[in-house]
């Protein structure tokens, strides 16, 4: 997935801050990461399923880079 597409998706999630929107990213039908926006702290919460890590990102760009990294890692491991 392109970083620009991830950034736009994250902006959409934060735009609808009055709703609880969670997006799960999958590879080979298995979840690898989940993101939601936390308006009370103006941050994106990204959960990485493989490691169990939960990270907070205040900017779309850094959240998108982290999500893209795990998606690319999973893609490389599946080939």
PDB file of N, CA and C in Angstrom:
ATOM      1  N   UNK A   1       0.849  -1.169   0.000  1.00  0.00           N
ATOM      2  CA  UNK A   1       0.000   0.000   0.000  1.00  0.00           C
ATOM      3  C   UNK A   1       0.895   1.233   0.000  1.00  0.00           C
ATOM      4  N   UNK A   2       0.536   2.238  -0.742  1.00  0.00           N
ATOM      5  CA  UNK A   2       1.321   3.456  -0.824  1.00  0.00           C
ATOM      6  C   UNK A   2       1.181   4.274   0.454  1.00  0.00           C
ATOM      7  N   UNK A   3       2.282   4.902   0.861  1.00  0.00           N
ATOM      8  CA  UNK A   3       2.281   5.757   2.049  1.00  0.00           C
ATOM      9  C   UNK A   3       1.214   6.849   1.915  1.00  0.00           C
ATOM     10  N   UNK A   4       1.093   7.425   0.726  1.00  0.00           N
ATOM     11  CA  UNK A   4       0.125   8.495   0.518  1.00  0.00           C
ATOM     12  C   UNK A   4      -1.306   8.002   0.776  1.00  0.00           C
ATOM     13  N   UNK A   5      -1.600   6.774   0.363  1.00  0.00           N
ATOM     14  CA  UNK A   5      -2.930   6.200   0.602  1.00  0.00           C
ATOM     15  C   UNK A   5      -3.166   5.974   2.092  1.00  0.00           C
ATOM     16  N   UNK A   6      -2.138   5.511   2.790  1.00  0.00           N
ATOM     17  CA  UNK A   6      -2.252   5.315   4.234  1.00  0.00           C
ATOM     18  C   UNK A   6      -2.495   6.645   4.947  1.00  0.00           C
ATOM     19  N   UNK A   7      -1.769   7.671   4.541  1.00  0.00           N
ATOM     20  CA  UNK A   7      -1.938   8.991   5.156  1.00  0.00           C
ATOM     21  C   UNK A   7      -3.358   9.499   4.950  1.00  0.00           C
ATOM     22  N   UNK A   8      -3.885   9.363   3.754  1.00  0.00           N
ATOM     23  CA  UNK A   8      -5.255   9.802   3.487  1.00  0.00           C
ATOM     24  C   UNK A   8      -6.269   9.018   4.315  1.00  0.00           C
ATOM     25  N   UNK A   9      -6.050   7.726   4.452  1.00  0.00           N
ATOM     26  CA  UNK A   9      -6.943   6.900   5.257  1.00  0.00           C
ATOM     27  C   UNK A   9      -6.900   7.345   6.713  1.00  0.00           C
ATOM     28  N   UNK A  10      -5.704   7.632   7.233  1.00  0.00           N
ATOM     29  CA  UNK A  10      -5.563   8.094   8.608  1.00  0.00           C
ATOM     30  C   UNK A  10      -6.217   9.458   8.813  1.00  0.00           C
ATOM     31  N   UNK A  11      -6.083  10.333   7.842  1.00  0.00           N
ATOM     32  CA  UNK A  11      -6.752  11.642   7.925  1.00  0.00           C
ATOM     33  C   UNK A  11      -8.267  11.470   7.984  1.00  0.00           C
ATOM     34  N   UNK A  12      -8.781  10.523   7.227  1.00  0.00           N
ATOM     35  CA  UNK A  12     -10.224  10.253   7.244  1.00  0.00           C
ATOM     36  C   UNK A  12     -10.662   9.759   8.615  1.00  0.00           C
ATOM     37  N   UNK A  13      -9.882   8.862   9.197  1.00  0.00           N
ATOM     38  CA  UNK A  13     -10.211   8.351  10.535  1.00  0.00           C
ATOM     39  C   UNK A  13     -10.248   9.496  11.543  1.00  0.00           C
ATOM     40  N   UNK A  14      -9.280  10.402  11.487  1.00  0.00           N
ATOM     41  CA  UNK A  14      -9.245  11.498  12.461  1.00  0.00           C
ATOM     42  C   UNK A  14     -10.319  12.546  12.177  1.00  0.00           C
ATOM     43  N   UNK A  15     -10.719  12.698  10.931  1.00  0.00           N
ATOM     44  CA  UNK A  15     -11.776  13.657  10.579  1.00  0.00           C
ATOM     45  C   UNK A  15     -13.087  13.275  11.260  1.00  0.00           C
ATOM     46  N   UNK A  16     -13.372  11.980  11.321  1.00  0.00           N
ATOM     47  CA  UNK A  16     -14.592  11.494  11.956  1.00  0.00           C
ATOM     48  C   UNK A  16     -14.317  11.127  13.409  1.00  0.00           C
ATOM     49  N   UNK A  17     -13.703  12.041  14.132  1.00  0.00           N
ATOM     50  CA  UNK A  17     -13.271  11.789  15.504  1.00  0.00           C
ATOM     51  C   UNK A  17     -14.407  11.527  16.477  1.00  0.00           C
ATOM     52  N   UNK A  18     -15.631  11.906  16.112  1.00  0.00           N
ATOM     53  CA  UNK A  18     -16.775  11.639  16.990  1.00  0.00           C
ATOM     54  C   UNK A  18     -17.238  10.190  16.903  1.00  0.00           C
ATOM     55  N   UNK A  19     -16.711   9.464  15.935  1.00  0.00           N
ATOM     56  CA  UNK A  19     -17.037   8.042  15.767  1.00  0.00           C
ATOM     57  C   UNK A  19     -15.804   7.218  16.133  1.00  0.00           C
ATOM     58  N   UNK A  20     -16.037   6.031  16.592  1.00  0.00           N
ATOM     59  CA  UNK A  20     -14.924   5.115  16.892  1.00  0.00           C
ATOM     60  C   UNK A  20     -14.706   4.257  15.648  1.00  0.00           C
ATOM     61  N   UNK A  21     -13.707   4.613  14.852  1.00  0.00           N
ATOM     62  CA  UNK A  21     -13.382   3.874  13.635  1.00  0.00           C
ATOM     63  C   UNK A  21     -12.082   3.125  13.871  1.00  0.00           C
ATOM     64  N   UNK A  22     -12.107   1.843  13.619  1.00  0.00           N
ATOM     65  CA  UNK A  22     -10.917   1.014  13.731  1.00  0.00           C
ATOM     66  C   UNK A  22     -10.701   0.340  12.382  1.00  0.00           C
ATOM     67  N   UNK A  23      -9.470   0.364  11.919  1.00  0.00           N
ATOM     68  CA  UNK A  23      -9.140  -0.277  10.641  1.00  0.00           C
ATOM     69  C   UNK A  23      -8.104  -1.362  10.904  1.00  0.00           C
ATOM     70  N   UNK A  24      -8.383  -2.563  10.403  1.00  0.00           N
ATOM     71  CA  UNK A  24      -7.456  -3.682  10.558  1.00  0.00           C
ATOM     72  C   UNK A  24      -6.808  -3.982   9.216  1.00  0.00           C
ATOM     73  N   UNK A  25      -5.487  -4.110   9.225  1.00  0.00           N
ATOM     74  CA  UNK A  25      -4.718  -4.440   8.028  1.00  0.00           C
ATOM     75  C   UNK A  25      -4.373  -5.920   8.084  1.00  0.00           C
ATOM     76  N   UNK A  26      -4.587  -6.605   6.976  1.00  0.00           N
ATOM     77  CA  UNK A  26      -4.351  -8.051   6.919  1.00  0.00           C
ATOM     78  C   UNK A  26      -3.433  -8.406   5.769  1.00  0.00           C
ATOM     79  N   UNK A  27      -2.740  -9.518   5.947  1.00  0.00           N
ATOM     80  CA  UNK A  27      -1.949 -10.146   4.883  1.00  0.00           C
ATOM     81  C   UNK A  27      -2.317 -11.624   4.900  1.00  0.00           C
ATOM     82  N   UNK A  28      -2.637 -12.168   3.755  1.00  0.00           N
ATOM     83  CA  UNK A  28      -3.015 -13.581   3.647  1.00  0.00           C
ATOM     84  C   UNK A  28      -4.148 -13.937   4.622  1.00  0.00           C
ATOM     85  N   UNK A  29      -5.111 -13.042   4.733  1.00  0.00           N
ATOM     86  CA  UNK A  29      -6.299 -13.230   5.571  1.00  0.00           C
ATOM     87  C   UNK A  29      -6.003 -13.269   7.064  1.00  0.00           C
ATOM     88  N   UNK A  30      -4.811 -12.823   7.480  1.00  0.00           N
ATOM     89  CA  UNK A  30      -4.451 -12.764   8.889  1.00  0.00           C
ATOM     90  C   UNK A  30      -4.180 -11.311   9.277  1.00  0.00           C
ATOM     91  N   UNK A  31      -4.740 -10.854  10.392  1.00  0.00           N
ATOM     92  CA  UNK A  31      -4.503  -9.463  10.797  1.00  0.00           C
ATOM     93  C   UNK A  31      -3.056  -9.239  11.212  1.00  0.00           C
ATOM     94  N   UNK A  32      -2.487  -8.118  10.761  1.00  0.00           N
ATOM     95  CA  UNK A  32      -1.110  -7.781  11.135  1.00  0.00           C
ATOM     96  C   UNK A  32      -1.035  -6.488  11.941  1.00  0.00           C
ATOM     97  N   UNK A  33      -1.981  -5.574  11.726  1.00  0.00           N
ATOM     98  CA  UNK A  33      -1.986  -4.309  12.465  1.00  0.00           C
ATOM     99  C   UNK A  33      -3.401  -3.747  12.497  1.00  0.00           C
ATOM    100  N   UNK A  34      -3.653  -2.965  13.538  1.00  0.00           N
ATOM    101  CA  UNK A  34      -4.952  -2.316  13.686  1.00  0.00           C
ATOM    102  C   UNK A  34      -4.688  -0.872  14.114  1.00  0.00           C
ATOM    103  N   UNK A  35      -5.467   0.070  13.560  1.00  0.00           N
ATOM    104  CA  UNK A  35      -5.282   1.483  13.910  1.00  0.00           C
ATOM    105  C   UNK A  35      -6.626   2.108  14.248  1.00  0.00           C
ATOM    106  N   UNK A  36      -6.591   2.998  15.235  1.00  0.00           N
ATOM    107  CA  UNK A  36      -7.749   3.829  15.549  1.00  0.00           C
ATOM    108  C   UNK A  36      -7.222   5.197  15.986  1.00  0.00           C
ATOM    109  N   UNK A  37      -8.101   6.186  15.975  1.00  0.00           N
ATOM    110  CA  UNK A  37      -7.719   7.540  16.375  1.00  0.00           C
ATOM    111  C   UNK A  37      -8.254   7.814  17.770  1.00  0.00           C
ATOM    112  N   UNK A  38      -7.410   8.374  18.619  1.00  0.00           N
ATOM    113  CA  UNK A  38      -7.791   8.720  19.984  1.00  0.00           C
ATOM    114  C   UNK A  38      -7.877  10.246  20.087  1.00  0.00           C
ATOM    115  N   UNK A  39      -9.090  10.807  19.924  1.00  0.00           N
ATOM    116  CA  UNK A  39      -9.216  12.274  19.883  1.00  0.00           C
ATOM    117  C   UNK A  39      -8.828  12.953  21.192  1.00  0.00           C
ATOM    118  N   UNK A  40      -8.987  12.275  22.313  1.00  0.00           N
ATOM    119  CA  UNK A  40      -8.662  12.899  23.594  1.00  0.00           C
ATOM    120  C   UNK A  40      -7.173  13.217  23.731  1.00  0.00           C
ATOM    121  N   UNK A  41      -6.326  12.509  22.998  1.00  0.00           N
ATOM    122  CA  UNK A  41      -4.882  12.801  23.024  1.00  0.00           C
ATOM    123  C   UNK A  41      -4.324  13.114  21.631  1.00  0.00           C
ATOM    124  N   UNK A  42      -5.220  13.276  20.664  1.00  0.00           N
ATOM    125  CA  UNK A  42      -4.828  13.619  19.291  1.00  0.00           C
ATOM    126  C   UNK A  42      -3.737  12.707  18.745  1.00  0.00           C
ATOM    127  N   UNK A  43      -3.954  11.400  18.875  1.00  0.00           N
ATOM    128  CA  UNK A  43      -2.955  10.427  18.431  1.00  0.00           C
ATOM    129  C   UNK A  43      -3.614   9.214  17.792  1.00  0.00           C
ATOM    130  N   UNK A  44      -2.835   8.551  16.966  1.00  0.00           N
ATOM    131  CA  UNK A  44      -3.249   7.284  16.368  1.00  0.00           C
ATOM    132  C   UNK A  44      -2.680   6.167  17.217  1.00  0.00           C
ATOM    133  N   UNK A  45      -3.518   5.212  17.546  1.00  0.00           N
ATOM    134  CA  UNK A  45      -3.063   4.038  18.287  1.00  0.00           C
ATOM    135  C   UNK A  45      -2.950   2.885  17.300  1.00  0.00           C
ATOM    136  N   UNK A  46      -1.753   2.352  17.165  1.00  0.00           N
ATOM    137  CA  UNK A  46      -1.517   1.245  16.246  1.00  0.00           C
ATOM    138  C   UNK A  46      -1.144   0.021  17.077  1.00  0.00           C
ATOM    139  N   UNK A  47      -1.876  -1.060  16.861  1.00  0.00           N
ATOM    140  CA  UNK A  47      -1.595  -2.326  17.521  1.00  0.00           C
ATOM    141  C   UNK A  47      -0.982  -3.260  16.489  1.00  0.00           C
ATOM    142  N   UNK A  48       0.177  -3.815  16.820  1.00  0.00           N
ATOM    143  CA  UNK A  48       0.862  -4.754  15.940  1.00  0.00           C
ATOM    144  C   UNK A  48       0.621  -6.155  16.492  1.00  0.00           C
ATOM    145  N   UNK A  49      -0.099  -6.969  15.743  1.00  0.00           N
ATOM    146  CA  UNK A  49      -0.541  -8.261  16.250  1.00  0.00           C
ATOM    147  C   UNK A  49       0.596  -9.249  16.511  1.00  0.00           C
ATOM    148  N   UNK A  50       1.594  -9.294  15.653  1.00  0.00           N
ATOM    149  CA  UNK A  50       2.674 -10.270  15.818  1.00  0.00           C
ATOM    150  C   UNK A  50       3.436 -10.049  17.128  1.00  0.00           C
ATOM    151  N   UNK A  51       3.773  -8.805  17.409  1.00  0.00           N
ATOM    152  CA  UNK A  51       4.552  -8.503  18.609  1.00  0.00           C
ATOM    153  C   UNK A  51       3.688  -8.188  19.821  1.00  0.00           C
ATOM    154  N   UNK A  52       2.440  -7.805  19.572  1.00  0.00           N
ATOM    155  CA  UNK A  52       1.565  -7.394  20.660  1.00  0.00           C
ATOM    156  C   UNK A  52       1.800  -5.954  21.094  1.00  0.00           C
ATOM    157  N   UNK A  53       2.703  -5.261  20.419  1.00  0.00           N
ATOM    158  CA  UNK A  53       3.027  -3.876  20.771  1.00  0.00           C
ATOM    159  C   UNK A  53       1.877  -2.943  20.408  1.00  0.00           C
ATOM    160  N   UNK A  54       1.665  -1.956  21.259  1.00  0.00           N
ATOM    161  CA  UNK A  54       0.693  -0.892  21.008  1.00  0.00           C
ATOM    162  C   UNK A  54       1.475   0.414  21.030  1.00  0.00           C
ATOM    163  N   UNK A  55       1.440   1.135  19.914  1.00  0.00           N
ATOM    164  CA  UNK A  55       2.215   2.372  19.781  1.00  0.00           C
ATOM    165  C   UNK A  55       1.277   3.538  19.517  1.00  0.00           C
ATOM    166  N   UNK A  56       1.664   4.717  19.989  1.00  0.00           N
ATOM    167  CA  UNK A  56       0.921   5.952  19.737  1.00  0.00           C
ATOM    168  C   UNK A  56       1.725   6.835  18.803  1.00  0.00           C
ATOM    169  N   UNK A  57       1.034   7.431  17.822  1.00  0.00           N
ATOM    170  CA  UNK A  57       1.664   8.319  16.855  1.00  0.00           C
ATOM    171  C   UNK A  57       0.833   9.589  16.767  1.00  0.00           C
ATOM    172  N   UNK A  58       1.477  10.739  16.896  1.00  0.00           N
ATOM    173  CA  UNK A  58       0.748  12.007  16.845  1.00  0.00           C
ATOM    174  C   UNK A  58       0.607  12.545  15.420  1.00  0.00           C
ATOM    175  N   UNK A  59       1.340  11.985  14.482  1.00  0.00           N
ATOM    176  CA  UNK A  59       1.291  12.453  13.093  1.00  0.00           C
ATOM    177  C   UNK A  59       0.908  11.308  12.162  1.00  0.00           C
ATOM    178  N   UNK A  60       0.136  11.662  11.135  1.00  0.00           N
ATOM    179  CA  UNK A  60      -0.271  10.656  10.148  1.00  0.00           C
ATOM    180  C   UNK A  60       0.934  10.009   9.478  1.00  0.00           C
ATOM    181  N   UNK A  61       1.941  10.836   9.177  1.00  0.00           N
ATOM    182  CA  UNK A  61       3.094  10.339   8.434  1.00  0.00           C
ATOM    183  C   UNK A  61       3.835   9.236   9.203  1.00  0.00           C
ATOM    184  N   UNK A  62       4.065   9.453  10.491  1.00  0.00           N
ATOM    185  CA  UNK A  62       4.808   8.457  11.255  1.00  0.00           C
ATOM    186  C   UNK A  62       3.982   7.188  11.470  1.00  0.00           C
ATOM    187  N   UNK A  63       2.686   7.347  11.666  1.00  0.00           N
ATOM    188  CA  UNK A  63       1.812   6.170  11.782  1.00  0.00           C
ATOM    189  C   UNK A  63       1.790   5.398  10.469  1.00  0.00           C
ATOM    190  N   UNK A  64       1.702   6.105   9.349  1.00  0.00           N
ATOM    191  CA  UNK A  64       1.673   5.460   8.038  1.00  0.00           C
ATOM    192  C   UNK A  64       2.972   4.707   7.760  1.00  0.00           C
ATOM    193  N   UNK A  65       4.095   5.288   8.139  1.00  0.00           N
ATOM    194  CA  UNK A  65       5.386   4.625   7.934  1.00  0.00           C
ATOM    195  C   UNK A  65       5.454   3.337   8.752  1.00  0.00           C
ATOM    196  N   UNK A  66       4.984   3.393   9.992  1.00  0.00           N
ATOM    197  CA  UNK A  66       5.002   2.197  10.846  1.00  0.00           C
ATOM    198  C   UNK A  66       4.099   1.101  10.285  1.00  0.00           C
ATOM    199  N   UNK A  67       2.903   1.473   9.854  1.00  0.00           N
ATOM    200  CA  UNK A  67       1.963   0.494   9.283  1.00  0.00           C
ATOM    201  C   UNK A  67       2.535  -0.079   7.994  1.00  0.00           C
ATOM    202  N   UNK A  68       3.062   0.780   7.151  1.00  0.00           N
ATOM    203  CA  UNK A  68       3.642   0.328   5.884  1.00  0.00           C
ATOM    204  C   UNK A  68       4.793  -0.634   6.128  1.00  0.00           C
ATOM    205  N   UNK A  69       5.592  -0.354   7.150  1.00  0.00           N
ATOM    206  CA  UNK A  69       6.715  -1.229   7.466  1.00  0.00           C
ATOM    207  C   UNK A  69       6.267  -2.637   7.814  1.00  0.00           C
ATOM    208  N   UNK A  70       5.237  -2.761   8.650  1.00  0.00           N
ATOM    209  CA  UNK A  70       4.762  -4.096   9.023  1.00  0.00           C
ATOM    210  C   UNK A  70       4.079  -4.782   7.833  1.00  0.00           C
ATOM    211  N   UNK A  71       3.389  -4.029   6.992  1.00  0.00           N
ATOM    212  CA  UNK A  71       2.767  -4.633   5.809  1.00  0.00           C
ATOM    213  C   UNK A  71       3.825  -5.150   4.843  1.00  0.00           C
ATOM    214  N   UNK A  72       4.874  -4.370   4.628  1.00  0.00           N
ATOM    215  CA  UNK A  72       5.948  -4.804   3.733  1.00  0.00           C
ATOM    216  C   UNK A  72       6.701  -5.999   4.298  1.00  0.00           C
ATOM    217  N   UNK A  73       6.913  -6.008   5.613  1.00  0.00           N
ATOM    218  CA  UNK A  73       7.590  -7.139   6.257  1.00  0.00           C
ATOM    219  C   UNK A  73       6.790  -8.418   6.061  1.00  0.00           C
ATOM    220  N   UNK A  74       5.483  -8.346   6.289  1.00  0.00           N
ATOM    221  CA  UNK A  74       4.626  -9.516   6.132  1.00  0.00           C
ATOM    222  C   UNK A  74       4.592  -9.974   4.682  1.00  0.00           C
ATOM    223  N   UNK A  75       4.582  -9.022   3.755  1.00  0.00           N
ATOM    224  CA  UNK A  75       4.570  -9.354   2.329  1.00  0.00           C
ATOM    225  C   UNK A  75       5.850 -10.070   1.927  1.00  0.00           C
ATOM    226  N   UNK A  76       7.002  -9.567   2.409  1.00  0.00           N
ATOM    227  CA  UNK A  76       8.288 -10.191   2.096  1.00  0.00           C
ATOM    228  C   UNK A  76       8.383 -11.601   2.673  1.00  0.00           C
ATOM    229  N   UNK A  77       7.868 -11.793   3.889  1.00  0.00           N
ATOM    230  CA  UNK A  77       7.935 -13.110   4.517  1.00  0.00           C
ATOM    231  C   UNK A  77       7.026 -14.119   3.850  1.00  0.00           C
ATOM    232  N   UNK A  78       5.976 -13.659   3.181  1.00  0.00           N
ATOM    233  CA  UNK A  78       5.051 -14.601   2.534  1.00  0.00           C
ATOM    234  C   UNK A  78       5.552 -15.056   1.167  1.00  0.00           C
ATOM    235  N   UNK A  79       6.623 -14.432   0.659  1.00  0.00           N
ATOM    236  CA  UNK A  79       7.149 -14.818  -0.665  1.00  0.00           C
ATOM    237  C   UNK A  79       8.389 -15.630  -0.527  1.00  0.00           C
TER     238      UNK A  79
END
